[in-house]
Amino acid sequence: MPRVNQDRGTRKQQIGVVVSDKSDKTIIVRVKRVGKHPVYGKVIKRYSKFKAHDPENKAKLNDQVRIVETRPLSKEKRWRLAEIVK
């Protein structure tokens, strides 16, 4: 997993697609990971959804974004928007 090196240490980052931007200052990002089944070897796609902080409401539905791990901002928000990839 790629990491961002900043003055406060190394942080995880993910690239995914915005599936919801309805909340104020919050987006929901779907991240895809691909791996092989441990027994059968078939390639399996898995998805995870993360709530990310978007203070200026820049990201819109279906944007590809990069999110970075941060301190807990609410009960479920542990990520923040780093940039809009496209």
PDB file of N, CA and C in Angstrom:
ATOM      1  N   MET A   1       0.842  -1.174   0.000  1.00  0.00           N
ATOM      2  CA  MET A   1       0.000   0.000   0.000  1.00  0.00           C
ATOM      3  C   MET A   1       0.894   1.247   0.000  1.00  0.00           C
ATOM      4  N   PRO A   2       0.666   2.174  -0.939  1.00  0.00           N
ATOM      5  CA  PRO A   2       1.502   3.371  -0.986  1.00  0.00           C
ATOM      6  C   PRO A   2       1.279   4.253   0.231  1.00  0.00           C
ATOM      7  N   ARG A   3       2.310   4.959   0.602  1.00  0.00           N
ATOM      8  CA  ARG A   3       2.222   5.814   1.780  1.00  0.00           C
ATOM      9  C   ARG A   3       2.729   7.206   1.455  1.00  0.00           C
ATOM     10  N   VAL A   4       2.194   8.203   2.151  1.00  0.00           N
ATOM     11  CA  VAL A   4       2.610   9.587   1.977  1.00  0.00           C
ATOM     12  C   VAL A   4       3.545   9.941   3.116  1.00  0.00           C
ATOM     13  N   ASN A   5       4.720  10.479   2.802  1.00  0.00           N
ATOM     14  CA  ASN A   5       5.669  10.865   3.834  1.00  0.00           C
ATOM     15  C   ASN A   5       5.561  12.368   4.069  1.00  0.00           C
ATOM     16  N   GLN A   6       5.160  12.757   5.258  1.00  0.00           N
ATOM     17  CA  GLN A   6       4.999  14.159   5.615  1.00  0.00           C
ATOM     18  C   GLN A   6       5.774  14.414   6.891  1.00  0.00           C
ATOM     19  N   ASP A   7       5.712  15.662   7.366  1.00  0.00           N
ATOM     20  CA  ASP A   7       6.420  15.998   8.596  1.00  0.00           C
ATOM     21  C   ASP A   7       5.844  15.275   9.806  1.00  0.00           C
ATOM     22  N   ARG A   8       4.591  14.796   9.728  1.00  0.00           N
ATOM     23  CA  ARG A   8       3.980  14.092  10.850  1.00  0.00           C
ATOM     24  C   ARG A   8       4.071  12.583  10.704  1.00  0.00           C
ATOM     25  N   GLY A   9       4.840  12.095   9.743  1.00  0.00           N
ATOM     26  CA  GLY A   9       5.002  10.659   9.614  1.00  0.00           C
ATOM     27  C   GLY A   9       4.442  10.142   8.308  1.00  0.00           C
ATOM     28  N   THR A  10       4.442   8.827   8.163  1.00  0.00           N
ATOM     29  CA  THR A  10       3.982   8.174   6.955  1.00  0.00           C
ATOM     30  C   THR A  10       2.506   7.849   7.090  1.00  0.00           C
ATOM     31  N   ARG A  11       1.723   8.201   6.055  1.00  0.00           N
ATOM     32  CA  ARG A  11       0.283   7.980   6.097  1.00  0.00           C
ATOM     33  C   ARG A  11      -0.173   7.137   4.917  1.00  0.00           C
ATOM     34  N   LYS A  12      -1.171   6.292   5.151  1.00  0.00           N
ATOM     35  CA  LYS A  12      -1.726   5.481   4.077  1.00  0.00           C
ATOM     36  C   LYS A  12      -2.501   6.368   3.112  1.00  0.00           C
ATOM     37  N   GLN A  13      -2.551   5.945   1.849  1.00  0.00           N
ATOM     38  CA  GLN A  13      -3.374   6.643   0.878  1.00  0.00           C
ATOM     39  C   GLN A  13      -4.053   5.634  -0.035  1.00  0.00           C
ATOM     40  N   GLN A  14      -5.198   6.012  -0.556  1.00  0.00           N
ATOM     41  CA  GLN A  14      -5.991   5.153  -1.422  1.00  0.00           C
ATOM     42  C   GLN A  14      -6.493   5.980  -2.597  1.00  0.00           C
ATOM     43  N   ILE A  15      -6.732   5.324  -3.730  1.00  0.00           N
ATOM     44  CA  ILE A  15      -7.358   5.974  -4.870  1.00  0.00           C
ATOM     45  C   ILE A  15      -8.669   5.259  -5.133  1.00  0.00           C
ATOM     46  N   GLY A  16      -9.743   6.043  -5.283  1.00  0.00           N
ATOM     47  CA  GLY A  16     -11.056   5.455  -5.496  1.00  0.00           C
ATOM     48  C   GLY A  16     -11.988   6.415  -6.201  1.00  0.00           C
ATOM     49  N   VAL A  17     -13.254   6.020  -6.292  1.00  0.00           N
ATOM     50  CA  VAL A  17     -14.269   6.780  -7.008  1.00  0.00           C
ATOM     51  C   VAL A  17     -15.314   7.273  -5.998  1.00  0.00           C
ATOM     52  N   VAL A  18     -15.734   8.531  -6.163  1.00  0.00           N
ATOM     53  CA  VAL A  18     -16.755   9.113  -5.283  1.00  0.00           C
ATOM     54  C   VAL A  18     -18.107   8.518  -5.646  1.00  0.00           C
ATOM     55  N   VAL A  19     -18.761   7.876  -4.672  1.00  0.00           N
ATOM     56  CA  VAL A  19     -20.081   7.298  -4.908  1.00  0.00           C
ATOM     57  C   VAL A  19     -21.187   8.123  -4.276  1.00  0.00           C
ATOM     58  N   SER A  20     -20.829   9.058  -3.389  1.00  0.00           N
ATOM     59  CA  SER A  20     -21.823   9.953  -2.790  1.00  0.00           C
ATOM     60  C   SER A  20     -21.149  11.246  -2.354  1.00  0.00           C
ATOM     61  N   ASP A  21     -21.815  12.371  -2.663  1.00  0.00           N
ATOM     62  CA  ASP A  21     -21.330  13.676  -2.211  1.00  0.00           C
ATOM     63  C   ASP A  21     -22.469  14.479  -1.591  1.00  0.00           C
ATOM     64  N   LYS A  22     -23.483  13.775  -1.088  1.00  0.00           N
ATOM     65  CA  LYS A  22     -24.678  14.433  -0.581  1.00  0.00           C
ATOM     66  C   LYS A  22     -24.469  15.109   0.776  1.00  0.00           C
ATOM     67  N   SER A  23     -23.578  14.578   1.596  1.00  0.00           N
ATOM     68  CA  SER A  23     -23.339  15.164   2.914  1.00  0.00           C
ATOM     69  C   SER A  23     -22.474  16.410   2.793  1.00  0.00           C
ATOM     70  N   ASP A  24     -22.648  17.342   3.725  1.00  0.00           N
ATOM     71  CA  ASP A  24     -21.850  18.561   3.737  1.00  0.00           C
ATOM     72  C   ASP A  24     -20.444  18.244   4.232  1.00  0.00           C
ATOM     73  N   LYS A  25     -19.435  18.604   3.447  1.00  0.00           N
ATOM     74  CA  LYS A  25     -18.023  18.423   3.769  1.00  0.00           C
ATOM     75  C   LYS A  25     -17.613  16.951   3.916  1.00  0.00           C
ATOM     76  N   THR A  26     -18.399  16.038   3.351  1.00  0.00           N
ATOM     77  CA  THR A  26     -18.087  14.604   3.429  1.00  0.00           C
ATOM     78  C   THR A  26     -18.373  13.954   2.087  1.00  0.00           C
ATOM     79  N   ILE A  27     -17.465  13.075   1.667  1.00  0.00           N
ATOM     80  CA  ILE A  27     -17.700  12.259   0.487  1.00  0.00           C
ATOM     81  C   ILE A  27     -17.525  10.793   0.868  1.00  0.00           C
ATOM     82  N   ILE A  28     -18.180   9.922   0.125  1.00  0.00           N
ATOM     83  CA  ILE A  28     -17.988   8.486   0.316  1.00  0.00           C
ATOM     84  C   ILE A  28     -17.243   7.974  -0.909  1.00  0.00           C
ATOM     85  N   VAL A  29     -16.095   7.331  -0.665  1.00  0.00           N
ATOM     86  CA  VAL A  29     -15.202   6.885  -1.728  1.00  0.00           C
ATOM     87  C   VAL A  29     -15.168   5.364  -1.746  1.00  0.00           C
ATOM     88  N   ARG A  30     -15.377   4.774  -2.942  1.00  0.00           N
ATOM     89  CA  ARG A  30     -15.308   3.321  -3.102  1.00  0.00           C
ATOM     90  C   ARG A  30     -13.935   2.974  -3.656  1.00  0.00           C
ATOM     91  N   VAL A  31     -13.216   2.117  -2.927  1.00  0.00           N
ATOM     92  CA  VAL A  31     -11.866   1.709  -3.306  1.00  0.00           C
ATOM     93  C   VAL A  31     -11.906   0.231  -3.692  1.00  0.00           C
ATOM     94  N   LYS A  32     -11.306  -0.091  -4.844  1.00  0.00           N
ATOM     95  CA  LYS A  32     -11.280  -1.465  -5.330  1.00  0.00           C
ATOM     96  C   LYS A  32      -9.930  -2.096  -5.014  1.00  0.00           C
ATOM     97  N   ARG A  33      -9.962  -3.349  -4.560  1.00  0.00           N
ATOM     98  CA  ARG A  33      -8.728  -4.110  -4.416  1.00  0.00           C
ATOM     99  C   ARG A  33      -8.909  -5.449  -5.116  1.00  0.00           C
ATOM    100  N   VAL A  34      -7.845  -5.907  -5.712  1.00  0.00           N
ATOM    101  CA  VAL A  34      -7.876  -7.144  -6.486  1.00  0.00           C
ATOM    102  C   VAL A  34      -6.897  -8.125  -5.857  1.00  0.00           C
ATOM    103  N   GLY A  35      -7.345  -9.362  -5.703  1.00  0.00           N
ATOM    104  CA  GLY A  35      -6.477 -10.385  -5.137  1.00  0.00           C
ATOM    105  C   GLY A  35      -6.916 -11.759  -5.592  1.00  0.00           C
ATOM    106  N   LYS A  36      -6.084 -12.730  -5.323  1.00  0.00           N
ATOM    107  CA  LYS A  36      -6.407 -14.104  -5.698  1.00  0.00           C
ATOM    108  C   LYS A  36      -7.040 -14.836  -4.531  1.00  0.00           C
ATOM    109  N   HIS A  37      -7.967 -15.711  -4.847  1.00  0.00           N
ATOM    110  CA  HIS A  37      -8.580 -16.557  -3.832  1.00  0.00           C
ATOM    111  C   HIS A  37      -7.500 -17.487  -3.280  1.00  0.00           C
ATOM    112  N   PRO A  38      -7.437 -17.635  -1.941  1.00  0.00           N
ATOM    113  CA  PRO A  38      -6.335 -18.408  -1.354  1.00  0.00           C
ATOM    114  C   PRO A  38      -6.301 -19.884  -1.764  1.00  0.00           C
ATOM    115  N   VAL A  39      -7.454 -20.480  -2.050  1.00  0.00           N
ATOM    116  CA  VAL A  39      -7.489 -21.897  -2.390  1.00  0.00           C
ATOM    117  C   VAL A  39      -7.588 -22.116  -3.906  1.00  0.00           C
ATOM    118  N   TYR A  40      -8.528 -21.404  -4.550  1.00  0.00           N
ATOM    119  CA  TYR A  40      -8.831 -21.688  -5.947  1.00  0.00           C
ATOM    120  C   TYR A  40      -8.023 -20.847  -6.930  1.00  0.00           C
ATOM    121  N   GLY A  41      -7.419 -19.757  -6.476  1.00  0.00           N
ATOM    122  CA  GLY A  41      -6.563 -18.959  -7.339  1.00  0.00           C
ATOM    123  C   GLY A  41      -7.285 -18.015  -8.269  1.00  0.00           C
ATOM    124  N   LYS A  42      -8.615 -17.982  -8.220  1.00  0.00           N
ATOM    125  CA  LYS A  42      -9.376 -17.080  -9.076  1.00  0.00           C
ATOM    126  C   LYS A  42      -9.164 -15.632  -8.628  1.00  0.00           C
ATOM    127  N   VAL A  43      -9.047 -14.727  -9.589  1.00  0.00           N
ATOM    128  CA  VAL A  43      -8.881 -13.310  -9.278  1.00  0.00           C
ATOM    129  C   VAL A  43     -10.233 -12.757  -8.826  1.00  0.00           C
ATOM    130  N   ILE A  44     -10.230 -12.134  -7.643  1.00  0.00           N
ATOM    131  CA  ILE A  44     -11.460 -11.625  -7.036  1.00  0.00           C
ATOM    132  C   ILE A  44     -11.335 -10.118  -6.832  1.00  0.00           C
ATOM    133  N   LYS A  45     -12.406  -9.392  -7.197  1.00  0.00           N
ATOM    134  CA  LYS A  45     -12.466  -7.954  -6.944  1.00  0.00           C
ATOM    135  C   LYS A  45     -13.252  -7.720  -5.666  1.00  0.00           C
ATOM    136  N   ARG A  46     -12.720  -6.905  -4.792  1.00  0.00           N
ATOM    137  CA  ARG A  46     -13.401  -6.538  -3.543  1.00  0.00           C
ATOM    138  C   ARG A  46     -13.450  -5.020  -3.471  1.00  0.00           C
ATOM    139  N   TYR A  47     -14.504  -4.490  -2.837  1.00  0.00           N
ATOM    140  CA  TYR A  47     -14.665  -3.052  -2.713  1.00  0.00           C
ATOM    141  C   TYR A  47     -14.831  -2.671  -1.244  1.00  0.00           C
ATOM    142  N   SER A  48     -14.266  -1.510  -0.869  1.00  0.00           N
ATOM    143  CA  SER A  48     -14.454  -0.949   0.459  1.00  0.00           C
ATOM    144  C   SER A  48     -14.918   0.488   0.287  1.00  0.00           C
ATOM    145  N   LYS A  49     -15.751   0.956   1.205  1.00  0.00           N
ATOM    146  CA  LYS A  49     -16.205   2.345   1.153  1.00  0.00           C
ATOM    147  C   LYS A  49     -15.649   3.092   2.362  1.00  0.00           C
ATOM    148  N   PHE A  50     -15.095   4.274   2.106  1.00  0.00           N
ATOM    149  CA  PHE A  50     -14.530   5.118   3.151  1.00  0.00           C
ATOM    150  C   PHE A  50     -15.212   6.477   3.125  1.00  0.00           C
ATOM    151  N   LYS A  51     -15.489   7.029   4.306  1.00  0.00           N
ATOM    152  CA  LYS A  51     -15.969   8.405   4.397  1.00  0.00           C
ATOM    153  C   LYS A  51     -14.757   9.311   4.532  1.00  0.00           C
ATOM    154  N   ALA A  52     -14.710  10.345   3.705  1.00  0.00           N
ATOM    155  CA  ALA A  52     -13.554  11.234   3.674  1.00  0.00           C
ATOM    156  C   ALA A  52     -14.001  12.674   3.834  1.00  0.00           C
ATOM    157  N   HIS A  53     -13.151  13.476   4.454  1.00  0.00           N
ATOM    158  CA  HIS A  53     -13.429  14.893   4.702  1.00  0.00           C
ATOM    159  C   HIS A  53     -13.100  15.707   3.455  1.00  0.00           C
ATOM    160  N   ASP A  54     -14.054  16.493   2.993  1.00  0.00           N
ATOM    161  CA  ASP A  54     -13.891  17.366   1.825  1.00  0.00           C
ATOM    162  C   ASP A  54     -14.358  18.765   2.237  1.00  0.00           C
ATOM    163  N   PRO A  55     -13.485  19.568   2.863  1.00  0.00           N
ATOM    164  CA  PRO A  55     -13.928  20.820   3.490  1.00  0.00           C
ATOM    165  C   PRO A  55     -14.520  21.843   2.526  1.00  0.00           C
ATOM    166  N   GLU A  56     -14.118  21.818   1.257  1.00  0.00           N
ATOM    167  CA  GLU A  56     -14.620  22.818   0.312  1.00  0.00           C
ATOM    168  C   GLU A  56     -15.657  22.245  -0.659  1.00  0.00           C
ATOM    169  N   ASN A  57     -16.101  21.014  -0.429  1.00  0.00           N
ATOM    170  CA  ASN A  57     -17.083  20.337  -1.292  1.00  0.00           C
ATOM    171  C   ASN A  57     -16.672  20.375  -2.759  1.00  0.00           C
ATOM    172  N   LYS A  58     -15.397  20.109  -3.041  1.00  0.00           N
ATOM    173  CA  LYS A  58     -14.878  20.130  -4.416  1.00  0.00           C
ATOM    174  C   LYS A  58     -15.247  18.881  -5.197  1.00  0.00           C
ATOM    175  N   ALA A  59     -15.130  17.715  -4.582  1.00  0.00           N
ATOM    176  CA  ALA A  59     -15.325  16.443  -5.288  1.00  0.00           C
ATOM    177  C   ALA A  59     -16.800  16.225  -5.600  1.00  0.00           C
ATOM    178  N   LYS A  60     -17.054  15.747  -6.793  1.00  0.00           N
ATOM    179  CA  LYS A  60     -18.415  15.459  -7.230  1.00  0.00           C
ATOM    180  C   LYS A  60     -18.555  13.973  -7.536  1.00  0.00           C
ATOM    181  N   LEU A  61     -19.776  13.544  -7.766  1.00  0.00           N
ATOM    182  CA  LEU A  61     -20.092  12.154  -8.046  1.00  0.00           C
ATOM    183  C   LEU A  61     -19.279  11.642  -9.239  1.00  0.00           C
ATOM    184  N   ASN A  62     -18.734  10.436  -9.138  1.00  0.00           N
ATOM    185  CA  ASN A  62     -17.938   9.744 -10.165  1.00  0.00           C
ATOM    186  C   ASN A  62     -16.554  10.342 -10.397  1.00  0.00           C
ATOM    187  N   ASP A  63     -16.091  11.283  -9.578  1.00  0.00           N
ATOM    188  CA  ASP A  63     -14.712  11.767  -9.668  1.00  0.00           C
ATOM    189  C   ASP A  63     -13.773  10.694  -9.122  1.00  0.00           C
ATOM    190  N   GLN A  64     -12.602  10.578  -9.732  1.00  0.00           N
ATOM    191  CA  GLN A  64     -11.569   9.699  -9.179  1.00  0.00           C
ATOM    192  C   GLN A  64     -10.714  10.561  -8.259  1.00  0.00           C
ATOM    193  N   VAL A  65     -10.556  10.137  -7.003  1.00  0.00           N
ATOM    194  CA  VAL A  65      -9.880  10.950  -5.994  1.00  0.00           C
ATOM    195  C   VAL A  65      -8.826  10.137  -5.256  1.00  0.00           C
ATOM    196  N   ARG A  66      -7.890  10.861  -4.641  1.00  0.00           N
ATOM    197  CA  ARG A  66      -6.892  10.249  -3.760  1.00  0.00           C
ATOM    198  C   ARG A  66      -7.202  10.727  -2.356  1.00  0.00           C
ATOM    199  N   ILE A  67      -7.338   9.781  -1.419  1.00  0.00           N
ATOM    200  CA  ILE A  67      -7.610  10.120  -0.024  1.00  0.00           C
ATOM    201  C   ILE A  67      -6.426   9.692   0.838  1.00  0.00           C
ATOM    202  N   VAL A  68      -6.227  10.416   1.923  1.00  0.00           N
ATOM    203  CA  VAL A  68      -5.090  10.182   2.814  1.00  0.00           C
ATOM    204  C   VAL A  68      -5.618   9.974   4.223  1.00  0.00           C
ATOM    205  N   GLU A  69      -5.015   9.040   4.929  1.00  0.00           N
ATOM    206  CA  GLU A  69      -5.393   8.745   6.307  1.00  0.00           C
ATOM    207  C   GLU A  69      -5.088   9.945   7.192  1.00  0.00           C
ATOM    208  N   THR A  70      -5.961  10.199   8.169  1.00  0.00           N
ATOM    209  CA  THR A  70      -5.775  11.323   9.079  1.00  0.00           C
ATOM    210  C   THR A  70      -6.332  10.960  10.450  1.00  0.00           C
ATOM    211  N   ARG A  71      -6.267  11.901  11.354  1.00  0.00           N
ATOM    212  CA  ARG A  71      -6.808  11.653  12.695  1.00  0.00           C
ATOM    213  C   ARG A  71      -8.320  11.489  12.610  1.00  0.00           C
ATOM    214  N   PRO A  72      -8.958  10.888  13.614  1.00  0.00           N
ATOM    215  CA  PRO A  72     -10.417  10.753  13.570  1.00  0.00           C
ATOM    216  C   PRO A  72     -11.092  12.122  13.570  1.00  0.00           C
ATOM    217  N   LEU A  73     -11.937  12.358  12.562  1.00  0.00           N
ATOM    218  CA  LEU A  73     -12.648  13.629  12.432  1.00  0.00           C
ATOM    219  C   LEU A  73     -14.086  13.514  12.921  1.00  0.00           C
ATOM    220  N   SER A  74     -14.628  12.311  12.938  1.00  0.00           N
ATOM    221  CA  SER A  74     -15.960  12.055  13.482  1.00  0.00           C
ATOM    222  C   SER A  74     -16.035  10.567  13.805  1.00  0.00           C
ATOM    223  N   LYS A  75     -17.231  10.080  14.051  1.00  0.00           N
ATOM    224  CA  LYS A  75     -17.389   8.673  14.418  1.00  0.00           C
ATOM    225  C   LYS A  75     -16.855   7.737  13.329  1.00  0.00           C
ATOM    226  N   GLU A  76     -17.067   8.081  12.051  1.00  0.00           N
ATOM    227  CA  GLU A  76     -16.670   7.196  10.960  1.00  0.00           C
ATOM    228  C   GLU A  76     -15.630   7.789  10.021  1.00  0.00           C
ATOM    229  N   LYS A  77     -15.347   9.078  10.105  1.00  0.00           N
ATOM    230  CA  LYS A  77     -14.404   9.711   9.169  1.00  0.00           C
ATOM    231  C   LYS A  77     -12.978   9.625   9.690  1.00  0.00           C
ATOM    232  N   ARG A  78     -12.125   8.893   8.940  1.00  0.00           N
ATOM    233  CA  ARG A  78     -10.701   8.770   9.278  1.00  0.00           C
ATOM    234  C   ARG A  78      -9.820   9.123   8.086  1.00  0.00           C
ATOM    235  N   TRP A  79     -10.412   9.634   7.012  1.00  0.00           N
ATOM    236  CA  TRP A  79      -9.708   9.952   5.779  1.00  0.00           C
ATOM    237  C   TRP A  79     -10.032  11.379   5.370  1.00  0.00           C
ATOM    238  N   ARG A  80      -9.145  11.998   4.584  1.00  0.00           N
ATOM    239  CA  ARG A  80      -9.411  13.316   4.027  1.00  0.00           C
ATOM    240  C   ARG A  80      -9.036  13.337   2.556  1.00  0.00           C
ATOM    241  N   LEU A  81      -9.689  14.205   1.815  1.00  0.00           N
ATOM    242  CA  LEU A  81      -9.418  14.337   0.391  1.00  0.00           C
ATOM    243  C   LEU A  81      -8.070  14.982   0.174  1.00  0.00           C
ATOM    244  N   ALA A  82      -7.190  14.335  -0.604  1.00  0.00           N
ATOM    245  CA  ALA A  82      -5.884  14.897  -0.918  1.00  0.00           C
ATOM    246  C   ALA A  82      -5.915  15.618  -2.256  1.00  0.00           C
ATOM    247  N   GLU A  83      -6.477  14.956  -3.277  1.00  0.00           N
ATOM    248  CA  GLU A  83      -6.585  15.584  -4.587  1.00  0.00           C
ATOM    249  C   GLU A  83      -7.625  14.874  -5.423  1.00  0.00           C
ATOM    250  N   ILE A  84      -8.112  15.600  -6.432  1.00  0.00           N
ATOM    251  CA  ILE A  84      -9.018  15.008  -7.422  1.00  0.00           C
ATOM    252  C   ILE A  84      -8.152  14.593  -8.597  1.00  0.00           C
ATOM    253  N   VAL A  85      -8.083  13.284  -8.865  1.00  0.00           N
ATOM    254  CA  VAL A  85      -7.226  12.768  -9.926  1.00  0.00           C
ATOM    255  C   VAL A  85      -7.828  13.091 -11.285  1.00  0.00           C
ATOM    256  N   LYS A  86      -9.121  12.766 -11.477  1.00  0.00           N
ATOM    257  CA  LYS A  86      -9.842  13.164 -12.700  1.00  0.00           C
ATOM    258  C   LYS A  86     -11.334  13.060 -12.501  1.00  0.00           C
TER     259      LYS A  86
END
